[in-house]
PDB file of N, CA and C in Angstrom:
ATOM      1  N   MET A   1     -61.156  16.713  76.464  1.00  0.00           N
ATOM      2  CA  MET A   1     -61.115  17.832  75.589  1.00  0.00           C
ATOM      3  C   MET A   1     -59.844  18.663  74.750  1.00  0.00           C
ATOM      4  N   LEU A   2     -58.824  18.496  75.435  1.00  0.00           N
ATOM      5  CA  LEU A   2     -57.467  19.075  74.994  1.00  0.00           C
ATOM      6  C   LEU A   2     -57.214  18.177  73.684  1.00  0.00           C
ATOM      7  N   GLN A   3     -57.514  16.748  73.903  1.00  0.00           N
ATOM      8  CA  GLN A   3     -56.766  16.270  72.665  1.00  0.00           C
ATOM      9  C   GLN A   3     -58.113  16.662  71.582  1.00  0.00           C
ATOM     10  N   SER A   4     -58.734  16.923  71.667  1.00  0.00           N
ATOM     11  CA  SER A   4     -59.841  17.705  69.932  1.00  0.00           C
ATOM     12  C   SER A   4     -58.508  18.272  69.542  1.00  0.00           C
ATOM     13  N   LEU A   5     -57.853  19.647  70.222  1.00  0.00           N
ATOM     14  CA  LEU A   5     -57.451  20.310  70.056  1.00  0.00           C
ATOM     15  C   LEU A   5     -56.122  20.110  68.746  1.00  0.00           C
ATOM     16  N   VAL A   6     -55.823  18.966  69.011  1.00  0.00           N
ATOM     17  CA  VAL A   6     -54.814  18.760  67.917  1.00  0.00           C
ATOM     18  C   VAL A   6     -54.452  19.056  66.874  1.00  0.00           C
ATOM     19  N   ASN A   7     -53.790  19.188  66.309  1.00  0.00           N
ATOM     20  CA  ASN A   7     -53.698  20.233  64.624  1.00  0.00           C
ATOM     21  C   ASN A   7     -54.506  21.401  64.560  1.00  0.00           C
ATOM     22  N   GLU A   8     -54.892  22.354  66.072  1.00  0.00           N
ATOM     23  CA  GLU A   8     -56.064  22.981  65.640  1.00  0.00           C
ATOM     24  C   GLU A   8     -54.858  24.308  66.096  1.00  0.00           C
ATOM     25  N   PRO A   9     -54.630  25.445  65.731  1.00  0.00           N
ATOM     26  CA  PRO A   9     -55.174  26.804  66.637  1.00  0.00           C
ATOM     27  C   PRO A   9     -55.473  27.131  67.582  1.00  0.00           C
ATOM     28  N   VAL A  10     -54.484  26.768  68.571  1.00  0.00           N
ATOM     29  CA  VAL A  10     -54.623  27.941  70.214  1.00  0.00           C
ATOM     30  C   VAL A  10     -53.894  28.291  70.420  1.00  0.00           C
ATOM     31  N   ILE A  11     -54.372  29.242  71.875  1.00  0.00           N
ATOM     32  CA  ILE A  11     -53.969  30.399  72.293  1.00  0.00           C
ATOM     33  C   ILE A  11     -53.064  29.765  74.103  1.00  0.00           C
ATOM     34  N   ILE A  12     -52.687  30.083  74.422  1.00  0.00           N
ATOM     35  CA  ILE A  12     -51.816  29.778  76.216  1.00  0.00           C
ATOM     36  C   ILE A  12     -51.288  30.632  76.924  1.00  0.00           C
ATOM     37  N   ARG A  13     -52.343  30.701  77.647  1.00  0.00           N
ATOM     38  CA  ARG A  13     -51.521  32.186  78.452  1.00  0.00           C
ATOM     39  C   ARG A  13     -50.702  31.372  79.580  1.00  0.00           C
ATOM     40  N   LEU A  14     -49.459  31.524  79.762  1.00  0.00           N
ATOM     41  CA  LEU A  14     -48.640  32.185  80.380  1.00  0.00           C
ATOM     42  C   LEU A  14     -49.286  31.842  82.201  1.00  0.00           C
ATOM     43  N   LYS A  15     -48.743  31.555  83.288  1.00  0.00           N
ATOM     44  CA  LYS A  15     -48.986  32.327  84.583  1.00  0.00           C
ATOM     45  C   LYS A  15     -48.597  33.623  84.667  1.00  0.00           C
ATOM     46  N   TRP A  16     -47.040  33.841  84.851  1.00  0.00           N
ATOM     47  CA  TRP A  16     -46.439  34.532  84.285  1.00  0.00           C
ATOM     48  C   TRP A  16     -46.200  35.928  83.547  1.00  0.00           C
ATOM     49  N   GLY A  17     -46.872  37.131  83.950  1.00  0.00           N
ATOM     50  CA  GLY A  17     -46.612  38.281  83.107  1.00  0.00           C
ATOM     51  C   GLY A  17     -48.064  37.665  82.400  1.00  0.00           C
ATOM     52  N   GLN A  18     -48.025  38.850  80.958  1.00  0.00           N
ATOM     53  CA  GLN A  18     -48.937  39.031  80.464  1.00  0.00           C
ATOM     54  C   GLN A  18     -48.679  37.718  78.790  1.00  0.00           C
ATOM     55  N   THR A  19     -47.671  36.812  79.538  1.00  0.00           N
ATOM     56  CA  THR A  19     -47.657  36.277  78.003  1.00  0.00           C
ATOM     57  C   THR A  19     -48.252  35.638  76.933  1.00  0.00           C
ATOM     58  N   GLU A  20     -48.563  34.964  76.357  1.00  0.00           N
ATOM     59  CA  GLU A  20     -49.088  34.229  75.079  1.00  0.00           C
ATOM     60  C   GLU A  20     -48.626  33.455  74.107  1.00  0.00           C
ATOM     61  N   TYR A  21     -49.183  32.760  74.385  1.00  0.00           N
ATOM     62  CA  TYR A  21     -48.197  31.802  72.615  1.00  0.00           C
ATOM     63  C   TYR A  21     -49.650  31.729  71.713  1.00  0.00           C
ATOM     64  N   HIS A  22     -49.455  31.915  70.053  1.00  0.00           N
ATOM     65  CA  HIS A  22     -50.315  31.564  69.060  1.00  0.00           C
ATOM     66  C   HIS A  22     -49.245  30.796  68.039  1.00  0.00           C
ATOM     67  N   GLY A  23     -49.825  29.363  68.118  1.00  0.00           N
ATOM     68  CA  GLY A  23     -49.428  28.708  67.512  1.00  0.00           C
ATOM     69  C   GLY A  23     -50.207  27.398  67.470  1.00  0.00           C
ATOM     70  N   ARG A  24     -50.252  26.525  66.399  1.00  0.00           N
ATOM     71  CA  ARG A  24     -51.030  25.022  66.301  1.00  0.00           C
ATOM     72  C   ARG A  24     -50.215  24.072  67.064  1.00  0.00           C
ATOM     73  N   LEU A  25     -51.414  23.492  67.818  1.00  0.00           N
ATOM     74  CA  LEU A  25     -51.126  22.201  69.063  1.00  0.00           C
ATOM     75  C   LEU A  25     -50.940  21.213  68.056  1.00  0.00           C
ATOM     76  N   ILE A  26     -49.374  20.691  68.586  1.00  0.00           N
ATOM     77  CA  ILE A  26     -48.920  19.694  67.850  1.00  0.00           C
ATOM     78  C   ILE A  26     -48.890  18.128  68.675  1.00  0.00           C
ATOM     79  N   SER A  27     -49.035  18.439  70.218  1.00  0.00           N
ATOM     80  CA  SER A  27     -48.331  17.823  70.729  1.00  0.00           C
ATOM     81  C   SER A  27     -49.001  18.122  71.873  1.00  0.00           C
ATOM     82  N   VAL A  28     -49.849  16.703  73.061  1.00  0.00           N
ATOM     83  CA  VAL A  28     -49.535  16.979  75.255  1.00  0.00           C
ATOM     84  C   VAL A  28     -49.523  15.429  75.165  1.00  0.00           C
ATOM     85  N   ASP A  29     -49.424  16.068  76.194  1.00  0.00           N
ATOM     86  CA  ASP A  29     -49.097  14.605  77.008  1.00  0.00           C
ATOM     87  C   ASP A  29     -50.133  14.713  78.453  1.00  0.00           C
ATOM     88  N   SER A  30     -49.989  13.215  78.694  1.00  0.00           N
ATOM     89  CA  SER A  30     -50.745  13.262  80.191  1.00  0.00           C
ATOM     90  C   SER A  30     -50.893  14.152  81.328  1.00  0.00           C
ATOM     91  N   TYR A  31     -49.406  14.827  81.421  1.00  0.00           N
ATOM     92  CA  TYR A  31     -48.969  15.730  82.633  1.00  0.00           C
ATOM     93  C   TYR A  31     -49.577  17.009  81.649  1.00  0.00           C
ATOM     94  N   MET A  32     -49.904  17.393  80.384  1.00  0.00           N
ATOM     95  CA  MET A  32     -50.222  18.415  80.000  1.00  0.00           C
ATOM     96  C   MET A  32     -49.155  19.087  79.916  1.00  0.00           C
ATOM     97  N   ASN A  33     -47.828  19.067  79.184  1.00  0.00           N
ATOM     98  CA  ASN A  33     -46.960  19.069  78.406  1.00  0.00           C
ATOM     99  C   ASN A  33     -47.622  19.755  76.951  1.00  0.00           C
ATOM    100  N   ILE A  34     -46.768  20.843  77.110  1.00  0.00           N
ATOM    101  CA  ILE A  34     -47.652  20.809  75.641  1.00  0.00           C
ATOM    102  C   ILE A  34     -46.543  21.561  74.509  1.00  0.00           C
ATOM    103  N   GLN A  35     -46.615  20.704  72.944  1.00  0.00           N
ATOM    104  CA  GLN A  35     -45.977  21.391  72.312  1.00  0.00           C
ATOM    105  C   GLN A  35     -47.214  21.687  70.631  1.00  0.00           C
ATOM    106  N   LEU A  36     -46.164  22.901  70.884  1.00  0.00           N
ATOM    107  CA  LEU A  36     -46.783  23.952  69.893  1.00  0.00           C
ATOM    108  C   LEU A  36     -45.655  23.860  68.557  1.00  0.00           C
ATOM    109  N   SER A  37     -46.375  23.707  66.897  1.00  0.00           N
ATOM    110  CA  SER A  37     -45.787  24.400  65.850  1.00  0.00           C
ATOM    111  C   SER A  37     -46.080  26.634  65.063  1.00  0.00           C
ATOM    112  N   ASN A  38     -45.474  26.564  64.533  1.00  0.00           N
ATOM    113  CA  ASN A  38     -45.590  28.439  64.234  1.00  0.00           C
ATOM    114  C   ASN A  38     -46.523  28.465  64.653  1.00  0.00           C
ATOM    115  N   THR A  39     -45.287  28.862  66.054  1.00  0.00           N
ATOM    116  CA  THR A  39     -45.614  29.752  67.105  1.00  0.00           C
ATOM    117  C   THR A  39     -45.505  31.055  67.140  1.00  0.00           C
ATOM    118  N   GLU A  40     -45.652  32.164  68.060  1.00  0.00           N
ATOM    119  CA  GLU A  40     -45.706  33.639  67.916  1.00  0.00           C
ATOM    120  C   GLU A  40     -45.973  33.949  69.391  1.00  0.00           C
ATOM    121  N   GLU A  41     -45.100  34.596  69.756  1.00  0.00           N
ATOM    122  CA  GLU A  41     -45.326  35.146  71.384  1.00  0.00           C
ATOM    123  C   GLU A  41     -45.849  36.393  71.457  1.00  0.00           C
ATOM    124  N   PHE A  42     -46.891  37.167  72.314  1.00  0.00           N
ATOM    125  CA  PHE A  42     -46.991  38.335  72.767  1.00  0.00           C
ATOM    126  C   PHE A  42     -47.146  38.903  73.754  1.00  0.00           C
ATOM    127  N   ILE A  43     -46.916  40.011  73.941  1.00  0.00           N
ATOM    128  CA  ILE A  43     -46.746  40.046  75.807  1.00  0.00           C
ATOM    129  C   ILE A  43     -46.959  41.390  75.343  1.00  0.00           C
ATOM    130  N   ASP A  44     -48.339  41.343  76.689  1.00  0.00           N
ATOM    131  CA  ASP A  44     -48.666  42.463  76.957  1.00  0.00           C
ATOM    132  C   ASP A  44     -49.814  42.605  75.512  1.00  0.00           C
ATOM    133  N   GLY A  45     -50.256  42.238  74.902  1.00  0.00           N
ATOM    134  CA  GLY A  45     -50.459  41.842  73.795  1.00  0.00           C
ATOM    135  C   GLY A  45     -50.621  42.204  72.216  1.00  0.00           C
ATOM    136  N   LYS A  46     -48.945  42.705  72.402  1.00  0.00           N
ATOM    137  CA  LYS A  46     -47.732  43.042  71.476  1.00  0.00           C
ATOM    138  C   LYS A  46     -46.740  41.642  70.683  1.00  0.00           C
ATOM    139  N   SER A  47     -46.546  41.416  68.912  1.00  0.00           N
ATOM    140  CA  SER A  47     -46.466  39.937  68.803  1.00  0.00           C
ATOM    141  C   SER A  47     -44.711  40.251  69.379  1.00  0.00           C
ATOM    142  N   THR A  48     -44.169  39.512  69.882  1.00  0.00           N
ATOM    143  CA  THR A  48     -42.378  39.696  70.268  1.00  0.00           C
ATOM    144  C   THR A  48     -41.861  38.803  69.434  1.00  0.00           C
ATOM    145  N   GLY A  49     -42.334  38.607  68.014  1.00  0.00           N
ATOM    146  CA  GLY A  49     -41.743  37.731  67.026  1.00  0.00           C
ATOM    147  C   GLY A  49     -42.304  36.202  66.901  1.00  0.00           C
ATOM    148  N   THR A  50     -41.912  35.889  66.231  1.00  0.00           N
ATOM    149  CA  THR A  50     -41.932  33.848  65.551  1.00  0.00           C
ATOM    150  C   THR A  50     -40.648  32.852  65.725  1.00  0.00           C
ATOM    151  N   LEU A  51     -41.627  32.025  66.940  1.00  0.00           N
ATOM    152  CA  LEU A  51     -40.821  31.175  67.766  1.00  0.00           C
ATOM    153  C   LEU A  51     -40.938  29.909  66.804  1.00  0.00           C
ATOM    154  N   GLY A  52     -41.484  29.282  66.281  1.00  0.00           N
ATOM    155  CA  GLY A  52     -41.294  28.488  65.211  1.00  0.00           C
ATOM    156  C   GLY A  52     -41.977  26.683  66.518  1.00  0.00           C
ATOM    157  N   GLN A  53     -41.484  25.930  66.315  1.00  0.00           N
ATOM    158  CA  GLN A  53     -41.613  24.721  67.431  1.00  0.00           C
ATOM    159  C   GLN A  53     -40.952  25.128  68.817  1.00  0.00           C
ATOM    160  N   VAL A  54     -41.899  25.055  69.974  1.00  0.00           N
ATOM    161  CA  VAL A  54     -42.068  25.303  71.431  1.00  0.00           C
ATOM    162  C   VAL A  54     -42.374  23.824  71.880  1.00  0.00           C
ATOM    163  N   LEU A  55     -42.092  23.892  73.303  1.00  0.00           N
ATOM    164  CA  LEU A  55     -42.239  23.211  74.151  1.00  0.00           C
ATOM    165  C   LEU A  55     -42.975  23.716  75.590  1.00  0.00           C
ATOM    166  N   ILE A  56     -44.402  23.717  75.910  1.00  0.00           N
ATOM    167  CA  ILE A  56     -44.577  24.635  76.943  1.00  0.00           C
ATOM    168  C   ILE A  56     -44.401  23.327  78.394  1.00  0.00           C
ATOM    169  N   ARG A  57     -43.197  23.851  79.235  1.00  0.00           N
ATOM    170  CA  ARG A  57     -44.110  22.836  80.735  1.00  0.00           C
ATOM    171  C   ARG A  57     -45.235  23.196  81.408  1.00  0.00           C
ATOM    172  N   CYS A  58     -45.796  22.100  82.079  1.00  0.00           N
ATOM    173  CA  CYS A  58     -47.522  21.998  82.323  1.00  0.00           C
ATOM    174  C   CYS A  58     -47.282  23.053  83.409  1.00  0.00           C
ATOM    175  N   ASN A  59     -46.612  23.512  84.245  1.00  0.00           N
ATOM    176  CA  ASN A  59     -46.684  24.030  85.111  1.00  0.00           C
ATOM    177  C   ASN A  59     -47.044  25.817  84.893  1.00  0.00           C
ATOM    178  N   ASN A  60     -46.176  25.918  83.677  1.00  0.00           N
ATOM    179  CA  ASN A  60     -46.359  27.583  83.522  1.00  0.00           C
ATOM    180  C   ASN A  60     -47.964  27.778  83.129  1.00  0.00           C
ATOM    181  N   VAL A  61     -48.833  26.317  82.569  1.00  0.00           N
ATOM    182  CA  VAL A  61     -49.510  27.221  82.105  1.00  0.00           C
ATOM    183  C   VAL A  61     -50.927  27.977  83.155  1.00  0.00           C
ATOM    184  N   LEU A  62     -51.400  28.508  82.552  1.00  0.00           N
ATOM    185  CA  LEU A  62     -52.796  29.306  83.135  1.00  0.00           C
ATOM    186  C   LEU A  62     -53.893  28.952  82.753  1.00  0.00           C
ATOM    187  N   TRP A  63     -54.291  28.941  81.383  1.00  0.00           N
ATOM    188  CA  TRP A  63     -55.519  28.476  80.530  1.00  0.00           C
ATOM    189  C   TRP A  63     -54.846  28.078  78.861  1.00  0.00           C
ATOM    190  N   ILE A  64     -55.638  27.328  78.296  1.00  0.00           N
ATOM    191  CA  ILE A  64     -55.828  26.716  76.793  1.00  0.00           C
ATOM    192  C   ILE A  64     -57.038  26.834  76.537  1.00  0.00           C
ATOM    193  N   SER A  65     -56.787  28.137  75.441  1.00  0.00           N
ATOM    194  CA  SER A  65     -58.174  27.973  74.569  1.00  0.00           C
ATOM    195  C   SER A  65     -57.748  28.347  72.397  1.00  0.00           C
ATOM    196  N   GLY A  66     -59.412  27.045  72.398  1.00  0.00           N
ATOM    197  CA  GLY A  66     -59.085  26.488  71.129  1.00  0.00           C
ATOM    198  C   GLY A  66     -58.701  28.738  69.931  1.00  0.00           C
ATOM    199  N   GLY A  67     -57.616  28.647  68.778  1.00  0.00           N
ATOM    200  CA  GLY A  67     -57.805  29.870  68.466  1.00  0.00           C
ATOM    201  C   GLY A  67     -59.093  30.433  68.044  1.00  0.00           C
ATOM    202  N   LYS A  68     -58.727  29.264  66.213  1.00  0.00           N
ATOM    203  CA  LYS A  68     -59.974  29.860  65.436  1.00  0.00           C
ATOM    204  C   LYS A  68     -60.142  31.353  64.318  1.00  0.00           C
ATOM    205  N   GLY A  69     -58.886  32.415  65.615  1.00  0.00           N
ATOM    206  CA  GLY A  69     -58.740  33.095  64.805  1.00  0.00           C
ATOM    207  C   GLY A  69     -59.225  34.283  65.260  1.00  0.00           C
ATOM    208  N   ALA A  70     -60.121  33.891  66.727  1.00  0.00           N
ATOM    209  CA  ALA A  70     -61.168  34.795  67.410  1.00  0.00           C
ATOM    210  C   ALA A  70     -60.287  35.712  67.975  1.00  0.00           C
ATOM    211  N   LYS A  71     -60.062  36.919  68.507  1.00  0.00           N
ATOM    212  CA  LYS A  71     -59.368  37.915  69.077  1.00  0.00           C
ATOM    213  C   LYS A  71     -59.559  37.271  70.792  1.00  0.00           C
ATOM    214  N   GLN A  72     -59.128  36.900  71.116  1.00  0.00           N
ATOM    215  CA  GLN A  72     -58.785  36.849  73.000  1.00  0.00           C
ATOM    216  C   GLN A  72     -58.866  38.475  74.218  1.00  0.00           C
ATOM    217  N   GLU A  73     -59.758  38.019  74.694  1.00  0.00           N
ATOM    218  CA  GLU A  73     -59.886  39.304  75.953  1.00  0.00           C
ATOM    219  C   GLU A  73     -60.045  38.333  77.081  1.00  0.00           C
ATOM    220  N   ASP A  74     -59.216  38.917  78.419  1.00  0.00           N
ATOM    221  CA  ASP A  74     -59.538  38.481  79.521  1.00  0.00           C
ATOM    222  C   ASP A  74     -60.757  39.046  80.021  1.00  0.00           C
ATOM    223  N   VAL A  75     -61.195  38.977  80.788  1.00  0.00           N
ATOM    224  CA  VAL A  75     -62.840  39.412  81.228  1.00  0.00           C
ATOM    225  C   VAL A  75     -62.860  39.781  83.296  1.00  0.00           C
ATOM    226  N   SER A  76     -63.270  40.085  83.745  1.00  0.00           N
ATOM    227  CA  SER A  76     -63.185  40.304  85.204  1.00  0.00           C
ATOM    228  C   SER A  76     -64.510  39.307  85.303  1.00  0.00           C
ATOM    229  N   MET A  77     -64.028  38.925  86.665  1.00  0.00           N
ATOM    230  CA  MET A  77     -65.130  37.483  87.280  1.00  0.00           C
ATOM    231  C   MET A  77     -65.702  38.460  88.212  1.00  0.00           C
ATOM    232  N   GLU A  78     -67.667  38.395  88.195  1.00  0.00           N
ATOM    233  CA  GLU A  78     -68.465  39.634  89.187  1.00  0.00           C
ATOM    234  C   GLU A  78     -69.135  38.978  89.975  1.00  0.00           C
ATOM    235  N   GLY A  79     -69.749  39.069  90.707  1.00  0.00           N
ATOM    236  CA  GLY A  79     -71.015  37.666  91.267  1.00  0.00           C
ATOM    237  C   GLY A  79     -70.680  38.228  92.519  1.00  0.00           C
TER     238      GLY A  79
END
């Protein structure tokens, strides 16, 4: 499923803080290490700048979403 997002825009949320990376997924390996290009970093929803090529180690990833330009927001789980 993740391989289907290669060359597509994605949003990656890290486990630590409120850090997200928005960029184009270049590659992903069997451990789920991720390479992005044209990457922009967001902390607490605010852009901190453009980083270019980024490699994110698998154990830092909380979730991955297909970007498609849609605004992503956290939701609460109830039940």
